[in-house]
Amino acid sequence: MIMGIEKQTREKRSLIDIAKQVMFEKKQAMSFSQLYSEVTQIKGLDETEKRARMSQFYTDLNADGVFVFNNNQWILKRWRRNV
């Protein structure tokens, strides 16, 4: 599980990489707030860092190509049929 990754490794990983791992492991759709909360907790960000990075994380989710917004939740593109 991703929480078991050493702190130094988590600090080096991008928020998007962590999000991919979270979604892969949980195998369920998540709202933006759920996903962002979990990712920032794993990354160990404080409230100031969370606010500062939120809009970039949202932009990265849209641009990455691995994630799809479906029924008001984010899923991995590979879960969606015919995509």
N, C-alpha and C. Protein backbone atom coordinates (compact mmCIF):
# COMPACT_ATOMS: atom_id res chain seq x y z
N MET A 1 0.83 -1.18 0.00
CA MET A 1 0.00 0.00 0.00
C MET A 1 0.87 1.24 0.00
N ILE A 2 0.38 2.28 -0.60
CA ILE A 2 1.19 3.48 -0.80
C ILE A 2 1.61 4.15 0.51
N MET A 3 0.79 4.07 1.55
CA MET A 3 1.17 4.67 2.83
C MET A 3 2.41 3.98 3.39
N GLY A 4 2.69 2.77 2.97
CA GLY A 4 3.84 2.03 3.43
C GLY A 4 5.14 2.47 2.77
N ILE A 5 5.05 3.34 1.78
CA ILE A 5 6.25 3.83 1.10
C ILE A 5 7.02 4.74 2.06
N GLU A 6 8.30 4.62 2.01
CA GLU A 6 9.14 5.44 2.90
C GLU A 6 8.89 6.93 2.67
N LYS A 7 9.03 7.71 3.72
CA LYS A 7 8.76 9.14 3.66
C LYS A 7 9.57 9.84 2.57
N GLN A 8 10.84 9.50 2.44
CA GLN A 8 11.68 10.14 1.42
C GLN A 8 11.16 9.87 0.02
N THR A 9 10.68 8.67 -0.23
CA THR A 9 10.14 8.32 -1.54
C THR A 9 8.85 9.09 -1.79
N ARG A 10 7.98 9.17 -0.80
CA ARG A 10 6.72 9.91 -0.95
C ARG A 10 6.98 11.38 -1.23
N GLU A 11 7.98 11.95 -0.58
CA GLU A 11 8.29 13.36 -0.78
C GLU A 11 8.76 13.64 -2.20
N LYS A 12 9.39 12.69 -2.84
CA LYS A 12 9.91 12.88 -4.20
C LYS A 12 8.84 12.66 -5.27
N ARG A 13 7.81 11.91 -4.96
CA ARG A 13 6.78 11.59 -5.96
C ARG A 13 5.84 12.77 -6.15
N SER A 14 5.38 12.93 -7.38
CA SER A 14 4.43 14.01 -7.68
C SER A 14 3.05 13.65 -7.14
N LEU A 15 2.23 14.67 -6.97
CA LEU A 15 0.86 14.44 -6.51
C LEU A 15 0.10 13.55 -7.50
N ILE A 16 0.33 13.74 -8.79
CA ILE A 16 -0.36 12.94 -9.81
C ILE A 16 0.09 11.48 -9.73
N ASP A 17 1.36 11.24 -9.54
CA ASP A 17 1.84 9.86 -9.40
C ASP A 17 1.20 9.18 -8.19
N ILE A 18 1.10 9.91 -7.11
CA ILE A 18 0.46 9.36 -5.91
C ILE A 18 -1.02 9.11 -6.19
N ALA A 19 -1.67 10.03 -6.88
CA ALA A 19 -3.10 9.87 -7.21
C ALA A 19 -3.33 8.61 -8.06
N LYS A 20 -2.45 8.37 -9.02
CA LYS A 20 -2.56 7.17 -9.85
C LYS A 20 -2.47 5.92 -8.99
N GLN A 21 -1.54 5.92 -8.07
CA GLN A 21 -1.34 4.76 -7.19
C GLN A 21 -2.55 4.57 -6.27
N VAL A 22 -3.08 5.66 -5.73
CA VAL A 22 -4.26 5.58 -4.86
C VAL A 22 -5.43 4.98 -5.63
N MET A 23 -5.68 5.50 -6.82
CA MET A 23 -6.81 5.01 -7.62
C MET A 23 -6.61 3.55 -8.01
N PHE A 24 -5.39 3.20 -8.38
CA PHE A 24 -5.09 1.82 -8.76
C PHE A 24 -5.34 0.86 -7.60
N GLU A 25 -4.91 1.26 -6.41
CA GLU A 25 -5.06 0.39 -5.24
C GLU A 25 -6.49 0.32 -4.73
N LYS A 26 -7.20 1.44 -4.74
CA LYS A 26 -8.57 1.47 -4.21
C LYS A 26 -9.58 0.87 -5.19
N LYS A 27 -9.28 0.98 -6.48
CA LYS A 27 -10.17 0.44 -7.51
C LYS A 27 -11.59 0.97 -7.40
N GLN A 28 -11.71 2.27 -7.11
CA GLN A 28 -13.03 2.89 -7.03
C GLN A 28 -12.95 4.36 -7.43
N ALA A 29 -14.07 4.86 -7.95
CA ALA A 29 -14.16 6.27 -8.32
C ALA A 29 -14.08 7.12 -7.06
N MET A 30 -13.56 8.34 -7.22
CA MET A 30 -13.43 9.24 -6.08
C MET A 30 -13.75 10.66 -6.52
N SER A 31 -14.36 11.42 -5.62
CA SER A 31 -14.56 12.84 -5.90
C SER A 31 -13.20 13.53 -5.84
N PHE A 32 -13.16 14.74 -6.41
CA PHE A 32 -11.92 15.50 -6.37
C PHE A 32 -11.47 15.70 -4.93
N SER A 33 -12.40 16.10 -4.07
CA SER A 33 -12.01 16.39 -2.68
C SER A 33 -11.51 15.15 -1.96
N GLN A 34 -12.13 14.00 -2.21
CA GLN A 34 -11.65 12.76 -1.59
C GLN A 34 -10.24 12.42 -2.07
N LEU A 35 -10.06 12.48 -3.38
CA LEU A 35 -8.76 12.13 -3.95
C LEU A 35 -7.69 13.10 -3.48
N TYR A 36 -7.97 14.39 -3.54
CA TYR A 36 -6.98 15.38 -3.14
C TYR A 36 -6.64 15.25 -1.66
N SER A 37 -7.63 15.01 -0.84
CA SER A 37 -7.39 14.85 0.59
C SER A 37 -6.47 13.66 0.86
N GLU A 38 -6.75 12.55 0.20
CA GLU A 38 -5.92 11.36 0.42
C GLU A 38 -4.50 11.57 -0.09
N VAL A 39 -4.38 12.14 -1.27
CA VAL A 39 -3.06 12.36 -1.88
C VAL A 39 -2.23 13.31 -1.01
N THR A 40 -2.82 14.40 -0.56
CA THR A 40 -2.06 15.36 0.24
C THR A 40 -1.71 14.81 1.62
N GLN A 41 -2.56 13.94 2.13
CA GLN A 41 -2.24 13.29 3.41
C GLN A 41 -1.02 12.38 3.23
N ILE A 42 -1.03 11.60 2.17
CA ILE A 42 0.09 10.70 1.89
C ILE A 42 1.37 11.50 1.67
N LYS A 43 1.24 12.59 0.94
CA LYS A 43 2.40 13.44 0.63
C LYS A 43 2.89 14.18 1.88
N GLY A 44 2.01 14.35 2.86
CA GLY A 44 2.39 15.03 4.09
C GLY A 44 2.36 16.54 3.99
N LEU A 45 1.45 17.08 3.18
CA LEU A 45 1.37 18.53 3.00
C LEU A 45 0.60 19.18 4.15
N ASP A 46 1.04 20.37 4.54
CA ASP A 46 0.29 21.12 5.54
C ASP A 46 -0.81 21.93 4.83
N GLU A 47 -1.65 22.60 5.60
CA GLU A 47 -2.81 23.33 5.03
C GLU A 47 -2.39 24.40 4.03
N THR A 48 -1.32 25.10 4.29
CA THR A 48 -0.84 26.13 3.38
C THR A 48 -0.41 25.51 2.05
N GLU A 49 0.33 24.42 2.11
CA GLU A 49 0.78 23.73 0.89
C GLU A 49 -0.42 23.15 0.12
N LYS A 50 -1.39 22.63 0.85
CA LYS A 50 -2.59 22.07 0.20
C LYS A 50 -3.30 23.14 -0.62
N ARG A 51 -3.51 24.31 -0.01
CA ARG A 51 -4.19 25.40 -0.73
C ARG A 51 -3.37 25.86 -1.93
N ALA A 52 -2.06 25.92 -1.77
CA ALA A 52 -1.20 26.41 -2.84
C ALA A 52 -1.14 25.47 -4.03
N ARG A 53 -1.32 24.18 -3.81
CA ARG A 53 -1.16 23.20 -4.87
C ARG A 53 -2.48 22.70 -5.49
N MET A 54 -3.60 23.07 -4.90
CA MET A 54 -4.88 22.51 -5.32
C MET A 54 -5.20 22.77 -6.80
N SER A 55 -5.09 24.00 -7.25
CA SER A 55 -5.46 24.30 -8.64
C SER A 55 -4.52 23.61 -9.63
N GLN A 56 -3.25 23.51 -9.30
CA GLN A 56 -2.32 22.81 -10.19
C GLN A 56 -2.62 21.33 -10.24
N PHE A 57 -3.00 20.74 -9.13
CA PHE A 57 -3.37 19.33 -9.11
C PHE A 57 -4.59 19.09 -9.99
N TYR A 58 -5.59 19.97 -9.90
CA TYR A 58 -6.79 19.83 -10.73
C TYR A 58 -6.42 19.94 -12.22
N THR A 59 -5.58 20.88 -12.56
CA THR A 59 -5.12 21.04 -13.94
C THR A 59 -4.38 19.80 -14.41
N ASP A 60 -3.52 19.27 -13.56
CA ASP A 60 -2.75 18.07 -13.91
C ASP A 60 -3.66 16.85 -14.09
N LEU A 61 -4.71 16.73 -13.27
CA LEU A 61 -5.67 15.63 -13.45
C LEU A 61 -6.29 15.67 -14.84
N ASN A 62 -6.68 16.87 -15.26
CA ASN A 62 -7.30 17.04 -16.57
C ASN A 62 -6.33 16.79 -17.71
N ALA A 63 -5.10 17.19 -17.55
CA ALA A 63 -4.11 17.12 -18.63
C ALA A 63 -3.42 15.77 -18.73
N ASP A 64 -3.43 14.99 -17.68
CA ASP A 64 -2.63 13.77 -17.62
C ASP A 64 -3.03 12.72 -18.65
N GLY A 65 -4.32 12.55 -18.90
CA GLY A 65 -4.77 11.55 -19.86
C GLY A 65 -5.04 10.19 -19.26
N VAL A 66 -4.68 9.98 -18.02
CA VAL A 66 -4.93 8.72 -17.33
C VAL A 66 -6.26 8.77 -16.59
N PHE A 67 -6.68 9.98 -16.22
CA PHE A 67 -7.89 10.17 -15.44
C PHE A 67 -9.03 10.67 -16.32
N VAL A 68 -10.26 10.27 -15.95
CA VAL A 68 -11.46 10.71 -16.65
C VAL A 68 -12.47 11.16 -15.59
N PHE A 69 -13.12 12.28 -15.87
CA PHE A 69 -14.19 12.75 -14.98
C PHE A 69 -15.48 12.12 -15.46
N ASN A 70 -16.14 11.32 -14.62
CA ASN A 70 -17.30 10.55 -15.01
C ASN A 70 -18.31 10.53 -13.87
N ASN A 71 -19.52 11.00 -14.12
CA ASN A 71 -20.57 11.01 -13.10
C ASN A 71 -20.13 11.71 -11.81
N ASN A 72 -19.53 12.88 -11.97
CA ASN A 72 -19.07 13.72 -10.85
C ASN A 72 -17.98 13.08 -10.00
N GLN A 73 -17.29 12.11 -10.58
CA GLN A 73 -16.16 11.50 -9.87
C GLN A 73 -15.03 11.23 -10.86
N TRP A 74 -13.84 11.10 -10.32
CA TRP A 74 -12.67 10.78 -11.13
C TRP A 74 -12.46 9.27 -11.13
N ILE A 75 -12.13 8.75 -12.30
CA ILE A 75 -11.82 7.34 -12.46
C ILE A 75 -10.57 7.23 -13.32
N LEU A 76 -9.97 6.06 -13.34
CA LEU A 76 -8.88 5.82 -14.27
C LEU A 76 -9.48 5.54 -15.64
N LYS A 77 -8.90 6.10 -16.66
CA LYS A 77 -9.42 5.96 -18.02
C LYS A 77 -9.61 4.50 -18.41
N ARG A 78 -8.72 3.65 -17.98
CA ARG A 78 -8.78 2.23 -18.35
C ARG A 78 -10.00 1.51 -17.77
N TRP A 79 -10.66 2.12 -16.77
CA TRP A 79 -11.87 1.51 -16.21
C TRP A 79 -13.09 1.76 -17.08
N ARG A 80 -13.01 2.79 -17.90
CA ARG A 80 -14.16 3.21 -18.71
C ARG A 80 -14.18 2.42 -20.01
N ARG A 81 -15.32 1.90 -20.36
CA ARG A 81 -15.46 1.13 -21.59
C ARG A 81 -15.46 2.07 -22.78
N ASN A 82 -14.92 1.57 -23.89
CA ASN A 82 -14.94 2.29 -25.17
C ASN A 82 -14.23 3.64 -25.13
N VAL A 83 -13.19 3.76 -24.34
CA VAL A 83 -12.43 5.01 -24.32
C VAL A 83 -11.07 4.75 -24.89
